[in-house]
Amino acid sequence: MNNMEELKDPVKNSELHKNAKNCPEGCYEELEKLKKEYQSQYADIESKHKDFHGRDDRSAKELMDLTIAFRKRIKTIRDKYNV
């Protein structure tokens, strides 16, 4: 998987989401909700920087910060369900 795929959707690409069939009840639903929230925020960042050709430093930093924040939330879900 390349970095852009992971930036585009860290929830979908997390090992926890890939193995959701084995997750305790409620875990998959939380991940799906988190995924939709991430996609919405990602789209907001992209639309805010749509006038730039390619990625600039500001949009790249915002996307990285967003991804890091969501990775932390994935870990929180993982810890909550002990998976």
PDB file of N, CA and C in Angstrom:
ATOM      1  N   MET A   1       0.857  -1.171   0.000  1.00  0.00           N
ATOM      2  CA  MET A   1       0.000   0.000   0.000  1.00  0.00           C
ATOM      3  C   MET A   1       0.900   1.230   0.000  1.00  0.00           C
ATOM      4  N   ASN A   2       0.564   2.212  -0.809  1.00  0.00           N
ATOM      5  CA  ASN A   2       1.381   3.414  -0.817  1.00  0.00           C
ATOM      6  C   ASN A   2       0.838   4.435   0.179  1.00  0.00           C
ATOM      7  N   ASN A   3       1.614   5.479   0.407  1.00  0.00           N
ATOM      8  CA  ASN A   3       1.248   6.480   1.411  1.00  0.00           C
ATOM      9  C   ASN A   3      -0.034   7.217   1.075  1.00  0.00           C
ATOM     10  N   MET A   4      -0.293   7.467  -0.204  1.00  0.00           N
ATOM     11  CA  MET A   4      -1.516   8.191  -0.565  1.00  0.00           C
ATOM     12  C   MET A   4      -2.749   7.351  -0.255  1.00  0.00           C
ATOM     13  N   GLU A   5      -2.667   6.037  -0.455  1.00  0.00           N
ATOM     14  CA  GLU A   5      -3.803   5.178  -0.111  1.00  0.00           C
ATOM     15  C   GLU A   5      -4.085   5.258   1.379  1.00  0.00           C
ATOM     16  N   GLU A   6      -3.023   5.241   2.179  1.00  0.00           N
ATOM     17  CA  GLU A   6      -3.212   5.299   3.622  1.00  0.00           C
ATOM     18  C   GLU A   6      -3.739   6.663   4.042  1.00  0.00           C
ATOM     19  N   LEU A   7      -3.244   7.727   3.427  1.00  0.00           N
ATOM     20  CA  LEU A   7      -3.763   9.061   3.733  1.00  0.00           C
ATOM     21  C   LEU A   7      -5.222   9.167   3.334  1.00  0.00           C
ATOM     22  N   LYS A   8      -5.566   8.577   2.211  1.00  0.00           N
ATOM     23  CA  LYS A   8      -6.927   8.666   1.704  1.00  0.00           C
ATOM     24  C   LYS A   8      -7.917   7.996   2.648  1.00  0.00           C
ATOM     25  N   ASP A   9      -7.501   6.909   3.286  1.00  0.00           N
ATOM     26  CA  ASP A   9      -8.438   6.195   4.150  1.00  0.00           C
ATOM     27  C   ASP A   9      -7.713   5.326   5.177  1.00  0.00           C
ATOM     28  N   PRO A  10      -7.186   5.924   6.260  1.00  0.00           N
ATOM     29  CA  PRO A  10      -6.462   5.129   7.250  1.00  0.00           C
ATOM     30  C   PRO A  10      -7.359   4.157   8.008  1.00  0.00           C
ATOM     31  N   VAL A  11      -8.650   4.470   8.100  1.00  0.00           N
ATOM     32  CA  VAL A  11      -9.564   3.564   8.803  1.00  0.00           C
ATOM     33  C   VAL A  11      -9.705   2.275   8.011  1.00  0.00           C
ATOM     34  N   LYS A  12     -10.015   2.412   6.723  1.00  0.00           N
ATOM     35  CA  LYS A  12     -10.199   1.237   5.868  1.00  0.00           C
ATOM     36  C   LYS A  12      -8.934   0.403   5.807  1.00  0.00           C
ATOM     37  N   ASN A  13      -7.791   1.064   5.807  1.00  0.00           N
ATOM     38  CA  ASN A  13      -6.531   0.364   5.641  1.00  0.00           C
ATOM     39  C   ASN A  13      -5.925  -0.126   6.953  1.00  0.00           C
ATOM     40  N   SER A  14      -6.568   0.129   8.075  1.00  0.00           N
ATOM     41  CA  SER A  14      -6.031  -0.361   9.343  1.00  0.00           C
ATOM     42  C   SER A  14      -6.272  -1.863   9.444  1.00  0.00           C
ATOM     43  N   GLU A  15      -5.366  -2.536  10.103  1.00  0.00           N
ATOM     44  CA  GLU A  15      -5.501  -3.987  10.286  1.00  0.00           C
ATOM     45  C   GLU A  15      -6.788  -4.310  11.027  1.00  0.00           C
ATOM     46  N   LEU A  16      -7.166  -3.455  11.967  1.00  0.00           N
ATOM     47  CA  LEU A  16      -8.385  -3.674  12.739  1.00  0.00           C
ATOM     48  C   LEU A  16      -9.602  -3.709  11.823  1.00  0.00           C
ATOM     49  N   HIS A  17      -9.672  -2.792  10.872  1.00  0.00           N
ATOM     50  CA  HIS A  17     -10.813  -2.741   9.965  1.00  0.00           C
ATOM     51  C   HIS A  17     -10.797  -3.937   9.016  1.00  0.00           C
ATOM     52  N   LYS A  18      -9.622  -4.318   8.548  1.00  0.00           N
ATOM     53  CA  LYS A  18      -9.516  -5.459   7.633  1.00  0.00           C
ATOM     54  C   LYS A  18      -9.991  -6.742   8.297  1.00  0.00           C
ATOM     55  N   ASN A  19      -9.783  -6.844   9.595  1.00  0.00           N
ATOM     56  CA  ASN A  19     -10.158  -8.048  10.334  1.00  0.00           C
ATOM     57  C   ASN A  19     -11.441  -7.830  11.129  1.00  0.00           C
ATOM     58  N   ALA A  20     -12.309  -6.976  10.641  1.00  0.00           N
ATOM     59  CA  ALA A  20     -13.512  -6.584  11.385  1.00  0.00           C
ATOM     60  C   ALA A  20     -14.450  -7.753  11.659  1.00  0.00           C
ATOM     61  N   LYS A  21     -14.397  -8.776  10.838  1.00  0.00           N
ATOM     62  CA  LYS A  21     -15.280  -9.930  11.066  1.00  0.00           C
ATOM     63  C   LYS A  21     -15.013 -10.561  12.422  1.00  0.00           C
ATOM     64  N   ASN A  22     -13.799 -10.418  12.901  1.00  0.00           N
ATOM     65  CA  ASN A  22     -13.414 -11.004  14.183  1.00  0.00           C
ATOM     66  C   ASN A  22     -13.542 -10.018  15.339  1.00  0.00           C
ATOM     67  N   CYS A  23     -14.041  -8.824  15.072  1.00  0.00           N
ATOM     68  CA  CYS A  23     -14.152  -7.795  16.110  1.00  0.00           C
ATOM     69  C   CYS A  23     -15.351  -8.068  17.013  1.00  0.00           C
ATOM     70  N   PRO A  24     -15.255  -7.630  18.259  1.00  0.00           N
ATOM     71  CA  PRO A  24     -16.413  -7.716  19.151  1.00  0.00           C
ATOM     72  C   PRO A  24     -17.561  -6.851  18.627  1.00  0.00           C
ATOM     73  N   GLU A  25     -18.756  -7.137  19.086  1.00  0.00           N
ATOM     74  CA  GLU A  25     -19.934  -6.391  18.648  1.00  0.00           C
ATOM     75  C   GLU A  25     -19.761  -4.899  18.938  1.00  0.00           C
ATOM     76  N   GLY A  26     -20.096  -4.086  17.971  1.00  0.00           N
ATOM     77  CA  GLY A  26     -20.016  -2.638  18.110  1.00  0.00           C
ATOM     78  C   GLY A  26     -18.730  -2.043  17.574  1.00  0.00           C
ATOM     79  N   CYS A  27     -17.691  -2.827  17.497  1.00  0.00           N
ATOM     80  CA  CYS A  27     -16.390  -2.336  17.045  1.00  0.00           C
ATOM     81  C   CYS A  27     -16.441  -1.921  15.573  1.00  0.00           C
ATOM     82  N   TYR A  28     -16.984  -2.781  14.734  1.00  0.00           N
ATOM     83  CA  TYR A  28     -17.046  -2.494  13.299  1.00  0.00           C
ATOM     84  C   TYR A  28     -17.883  -1.244  13.034  1.00  0.00           C
ATOM     85  N   GLU A  29     -18.985  -1.106  13.756  1.00  0.00           N
ATOM     86  CA  GLU A  29     -19.852   0.058  13.581  1.00  0.00           C
ATOM     87  C   GLU A  29     -19.110   1.348  13.929  1.00  0.00           C
ATOM     88  N   GLU A  30     -18.332   1.313  15.010  1.00  0.00           N
ATOM     89  CA  GLU A  30     -17.551   2.498  15.384  1.00  0.00           C
ATOM     90  C   GLU A  30     -16.527   2.836  14.312  1.00  0.00           C
ATOM     91  N   LEU A  31     -15.905   1.808  13.742  1.00  0.00           N
ATOM     92  CA  LEU A  31     -14.926   2.045  12.685  1.00  0.00           C
ATOM     93  C   LEU A  31     -15.583   2.628  11.438  1.00  0.00           C
ATOM     94  N   GLU A  32     -16.757   2.145  11.092  1.00  0.00           N
ATOM     95  CA  GLU A  32     -17.465   2.675   9.921  1.00  0.00           C
ATOM     96  C   GLU A  32     -17.848   4.140  10.135  1.00  0.00           C
ATOM     97  N   LYS A  33     -18.297   4.469  11.329  1.00  0.00           N
ATOM     98  CA  LYS A  33     -18.642   5.859  11.654  1.00  0.00           C
ATOM     99  C   LYS A  33     -17.390   6.734  11.564  1.00  0.00           C
ATOM    100  N   LEU A  34     -16.282   6.240  12.099  1.00  0.00           N
ATOM    101  CA  LEU A  34     -15.020   6.960  12.049  1.00  0.00           C
ATOM    102  C   LEU A  34     -14.564   7.149  10.604  1.00  0.00           C
ATOM    103  N   LYS A  35     -14.739   6.125   9.793  1.00  0.00           N
ATOM    104  CA  LYS A  35     -14.355   6.186   8.383  1.00  0.00           C
ATOM    105  C   LYS A  35     -15.124   7.292   7.653  1.00  0.00           C
ATOM    106  N   LYS A  36     -16.433   7.368   7.882  1.00  0.00           N
ATOM    107  CA  LYS A  36     -17.244   8.402   7.229  1.00  0.00           C
ATOM    108  C   LYS A  36     -16.830   9.797   7.677  1.00  0.00           C
ATOM    109  N   GLU A  37     -16.533   9.933   8.957  1.00  0.00           N
ATOM    110  CA  GLU A  37     -16.091  11.227   9.482  1.00  0.00           C
ATOM    111  C   GLU A  37     -14.758  11.629   8.848  1.00  0.00           C
ATOM    112  N   TYR A  38     -13.837  10.683   8.738  1.00  0.00           N
ATOM    113  CA  TYR A  38     -12.540  10.955   8.133  1.00  0.00           C
ATOM    114  C   TYR A  38     -12.699  11.377   6.672  1.00  0.00           C
ATOM    115  N   GLN A  39     -13.508  10.630   5.931  1.00  0.00           N
ATOM    116  CA  GLN A  39     -13.703  10.941   4.512  1.00  0.00           C
ATOM    117  C   GLN A  39     -14.275  12.341   4.330  1.00  0.00           C
ATOM    118  N   SER A  40     -15.178  12.731   5.203  1.00  0.00           N
ATOM    119  CA  SER A  40     -15.771  14.060   5.137  1.00  0.00           C
ATOM    120  C   SER A  40     -14.717  15.139   5.389  1.00  0.00           C
ATOM    121  N   GLN A  41     -13.915  14.947   6.424  1.00  0.00           N
ATOM    122  CA  GLN A  41     -12.883  15.935   6.740  1.00  0.00           C
ATOM    123  C   GLN A  41     -11.808  15.977   5.661  1.00  0.00           C
ATOM    124  N   TYR A  42     -11.471  14.833   5.103  1.00  0.00           N
ATOM    125  CA  TYR A  42     -10.493  14.766   4.022  1.00  0.00           C
ATOM    126  C   TYR A  42     -11.004  15.554   2.812  1.00  0.00           C
ATOM    127  N   ALA A  43     -12.267  15.355   2.469  1.00  0.00           N
ATOM    128  CA  ALA A  43     -12.862  16.070   1.333  1.00  0.00           C
ATOM    129  C   ALA A  43     -12.880  17.574   1.587  1.00  0.00           C
ATOM    130  N   ASP A  44     -13.139  17.976   2.827  1.00  0.00           N
ATOM    131  CA  ASP A  44     -13.117  19.401   3.170  1.00  0.00           C
ATOM    132  C   ASP A  44     -11.737  20.001   2.934  1.00  0.00           C
ATOM    133  N   ILE A  45     -10.700  19.284   3.343  1.00  0.00           N
ATOM    134  CA  ILE A  45      -9.330  19.774   3.147  1.00  0.00           C
ATOM    135  C   ILE A  45      -9.017  19.857   1.660  1.00  0.00           C
ATOM    136  N   GLU A  46      -9.386  18.829   0.914  1.00  0.00           N
ATOM    137  CA  GLU A  46      -9.128  18.850  -0.533  1.00  0.00           C
ATOM    138  C   GLU A  46      -9.850  20.004  -1.213  1.00  0.00           C
ATOM    139  N   SER A  47     -11.098  20.241  -0.847  1.00  0.00           N
ATOM    140  CA  SER A  47     -11.846  21.315  -1.506  1.00  0.00           C
ATOM    141  C   SER A  47     -11.309  22.687  -1.109  1.00  0.00           C
ATOM    142  N   LYS A  48     -10.819  22.795   0.099  1.00  0.00           N
ATOM    143  CA  LYS A  48     -10.254  24.069   0.560  1.00  0.00           C
ATOM    144  C   LYS A  48      -8.998  24.423  -0.233  1.00  0.00           C
ATOM    145  N   HIS A  49      -8.261  23.414  -0.666  1.00  0.00           N
ATOM    146  CA  HIS A  49      -7.009  23.635  -1.387  1.00  0.00           C
ATOM    147  C   HIS A  49      -7.128  23.296  -2.869  1.00  0.00           C
ATOM    148  N   LYS A  50      -8.344  23.301  -3.410  1.00  0.00           N
ATOM    149  CA  LYS A  50      -8.540  22.867  -4.802  1.00  0.00           C
ATOM    150  C   LYS A  50      -7.922  23.809  -5.825  1.00  0.00           C
ATOM    151  N   ASP A  51      -7.642  25.048  -5.433  1.00  0.00           N
ATOM    152  CA  ASP A  51      -7.045  25.993  -6.372  1.00  0.00           C
ATOM    153  C   ASP A  51      -5.564  25.726  -6.622  1.00  0.00           C
ATOM    154  N   PHE A  52      -4.953  24.924  -5.765  1.00  0.00           N
ATOM    155  CA  PHE A  52      -3.541  24.619  -5.931  1.00  0.00           C
ATOM    156  C   PHE A  52      -3.394  23.425  -6.860  1.00  0.00           C
ATOM    157  N   HIS A  53      -2.387  23.476  -7.717  1.00  0.00           N
ATOM    158  CA  HIS A  53      -2.112  22.349  -8.611  1.00  0.00           C
ATOM    159  C   HIS A  53      -1.173  21.409  -7.874  1.00  0.00           C
ATOM    160  N   GLY A  54      -1.633  20.212  -7.631  1.00  0.00           N
ATOM    161  CA  GLY A  54      -0.835  19.282  -6.840  1.00  0.00           C
ATOM    162  C   GLY A  54      -0.955  19.619  -5.363  1.00  0.00           C
ATOM    163  N   ARG A  55      -0.206  18.961  -4.569  1.00  0.00           N
ATOM    164  CA  ARG A  55      -0.258  19.185  -3.125  1.00  0.00           C
ATOM    165  C   ARG A  55       0.742  20.271  -2.751  1.00  0.00           C
ATOM    166  N   ASP A  56       0.328  21.161  -1.892  1.00  0.00           N
ATOM    167  CA  ASP A  56       1.257  22.147  -1.362  1.00  0.00           C
ATOM    168  C   ASP A  56       1.544  21.776   0.087  1.00  0.00           C
ATOM    169  N   ASP A  57       2.451  22.491   0.708  1.00  0.00           N
ATOM    170  CA  ASP A  57       2.855  22.160   2.078  1.00  0.00           C
ATOM    171  C   ASP A  57       1.703  22.270   3.061  1.00  0.00           C
ATOM    172  N   ARG A  58       0.841  23.263   2.871  1.00  0.00           N
ATOM    173  CA  ARG A  58      -0.269  23.448   3.819  1.00  0.00           C
ATOM    174  C   ARG A  58      -1.255  22.292   3.757  1.00  0.00           C
ATOM    175  N   SER A  59      -1.664  21.912   2.566  1.00  0.00           N
ATOM    176  CA  SER A  59      -2.635  20.820   2.466  1.00  0.00           C
ATOM    177  C   SER A  59      -2.005  19.500   2.901  1.00  0.00           C
ATOM    178  N   ALA A  60      -0.740  19.282   2.568  1.00  0.00           N
ATOM    179  CA  ALA A  60      -0.067  18.045   2.979  1.00  0.00           C
ATOM    180  C   ALA A  60       0.021  17.965   4.496  1.00  0.00           C
ATOM    181  N   LYS A  61       0.341  19.077   5.152  1.00  0.00           N
ATOM    182  CA  LYS A  61       0.422  19.076   6.617  1.00  0.00           C
ATOM    183  C   LYS A  61      -0.953  18.823   7.226  1.00  0.00           C
ATOM    184  N   GLU A  62      -1.975  19.450   6.694  1.00  0.00           N
ATOM    185  CA  GLU A  62      -3.329  19.227   7.218  1.00  0.00           C
ATOM    186  C   GLU A  62      -3.742  17.763   7.066  1.00  0.00           C
ATOM    187  N   LEU A  63      -3.438  17.171   5.915  1.00  0.00           N
ATOM    188  CA  LEU A  63      -3.788  15.770   5.691  1.00  0.00           C
ATOM    189  C   LEU A  63      -3.009  14.847   6.625  1.00  0.00           C
ATOM    190  N   MET A  64      -1.733  15.147   6.831  1.00  0.00           N
ATOM    191  CA  MET A  64      -0.930  14.337   7.753  1.00  0.00           C
ATOM    192  C   MET A  64      -1.464  14.461   9.177  1.00  0.00           C
ATOM    193  N   ASP A  65      -1.774  15.685   9.610  1.00  0.00           N
ATOM    194  CA  ASP A  65      -2.319  15.891  10.955  1.00  0.00           C
ATOM    195  C   ASP A  65      -3.638  15.148  11.125  1.00  0.00           C
ATOM    196  N   LEU A  66      -4.479  15.208  10.107  1.00  0.00           N
ATOM    197  CA  LEU A  66      -5.765  14.509  10.151  1.00  0.00           C
ATOM    198  C   LEU A  66      -5.544  12.998  10.267  1.00  0.00           C
ATOM    199  N   THR A  67      -4.629  12.474   9.472  1.00  0.00           N
ATOM    200  CA  THR A  67      -4.347  11.043   9.494  1.00  0.00           C
ATOM    201  C   THR A  67      -3.806  10.604  10.847  1.00  0.00           C
ATOM    202  N   ILE A  68      -2.897  11.372  11.410  1.00  0.00           N
ATOM    203  CA  ILE A  68      -2.339  11.039  12.724  1.00  0.00           C
ATOM    204  C   ILE A  68      -3.432  11.039  13.780  1.00  0.00           C
ATOM    205  N   ALA A  69      -4.300  12.035  13.743  1.00  0.00           N
ATOM    206  CA  ALA A  69      -5.399  12.107  14.715  1.00  0.00           C
ATOM    207  C   ALA A  69      -6.314  10.891  14.594  1.00  0.00           C
ATOM    208  N   PHE A  70      -6.605  10.480  13.376  1.00  0.00           N
ATOM    209  CA  PHE A  70      -7.494   9.334  13.193  1.00  0.00           C
ATOM    210  C   PHE A  70      -6.807   8.020  13.547  1.00  0.00           C
ATOM    211  N   ARG A  71      -5.503   7.931  13.353  1.00  0.00           N
ATOM    212  CA  ARG A  71      -4.784   6.729  13.798  1.00  0.00           C
ATOM    213  C   ARG A  71      -4.896   6.581  15.311  1.00  0.00           C
ATOM    214  N   LYS A  72      -4.802   7.710  16.014  1.00  0.00           N
ATOM    215  CA  LYS A  72      -4.953   7.678  17.472  1.00  0.00           C
ATOM    216  C   LYS A  72      -6.353   7.216  17.850  1.00  0.00           C
ATOM    217  N   ARG A  73      -7.345   7.668  17.112  1.00  0.00           N
ATOM    218  CA  ARG A  73      -8.725   7.254  17.400  1.00  0.00           C
ATOM    219  C   ARG A  73      -8.928   5.770  17.090  1.00  0.00           C
ATOM    220  N   ILE A  74      -8.274   5.261  16.050  1.00  0.00           N
ATOM    221  CA  ILE A  74      -8.337   3.829  15.749  1.00  0.00           C
ATOM    222  C   ILE A  74      -7.727   3.045  16.908  1.00  0.00           C
ATOM    223  N   LYS A  75      -6.594   3.529  17.414  1.00  0.00           N
ATOM    224  CA  LYS A  75      -5.952   2.852  18.550  1.00  0.00           C
ATOM    225  C   LYS A  75      -6.866   2.873  19.767  1.00  0.00           C
ATOM    226  N   THR A  76      -7.565   3.982  19.997  1.00  0.00           N
ATOM    227  CA  THR A  76      -8.494   4.073  21.123  1.00  0.00           C
ATOM    228  C   THR A  76      -9.595   3.023  20.989  1.00  0.00           C
ATOM    229  N   ILE A  77     -10.127   2.870  19.785  1.00  0.00           N
ATOM    230  CA  ILE A  77     -11.162   1.851  19.546  1.00  0.00           C
ATOM    231  C   ILE A  77     -10.575   0.460  19.770  1.00  0.00           C
ATOM    232  N   ARG A  78      -9.379   0.251  19.261  1.00  0.00           N
ATOM    233  CA  ARG A  78      -8.714  -1.050  19.436  1.00  0.00           C
ATOM    234  C   ARG A  78      -8.540  -1.366  20.925  1.00  0.00           C
ATOM    235  N   ASP A  79      -8.107  -0.384  21.699  1.00  0.00           N
ATOM    236  CA  ASP A  79      -7.924  -0.583  23.141  1.00  0.00           C
ATOM    237  C   ASP A  79      -9.257  -0.830  23.841  1.00  0.00           C
ATOM    238  N   LYS A  80     -10.275  -0.097  23.425  1.00  0.00           N
ATOM    239  CA  LYS A  80     -11.598  -0.232  24.041  1.00  0.00           C
ATOM    240  C   LYS A  80     -12.142  -1.654  23.895  1.00  0.00           C
ATOM    241  N   TYR A  81     -11.926  -2.248  22.732  1.00  0.00           N
ATOM    242  CA  TYR A  81     -12.455  -3.585  22.457  1.00  0.00           C
ATOM    243  C   TYR A  81     -11.417  -4.694  22.659  1.00  0.00           C
ATOM    244  N   ASN A  82     -10.239  -4.305  23.145  1.00  0.00           N
ATOM    245  CA  ASN A  82      -9.157  -5.274  23.392  1.00  0.00           C
ATOM    246  C   ASN A  82      -8.837  -6.127  22.170  1.00  0.00           C
ATOM    247  N   VAL A  83      -8.692  -5.471  21.034  1.00  0.00           N
ATOM    248  CA  VAL A  83      -8.329  -6.196  19.807  1.00  0.00           C
ATOM    249  C   VAL A  83      -7.037  -5.657  19.241  1.00  0.00           C
TER     250      VAL A  83
END
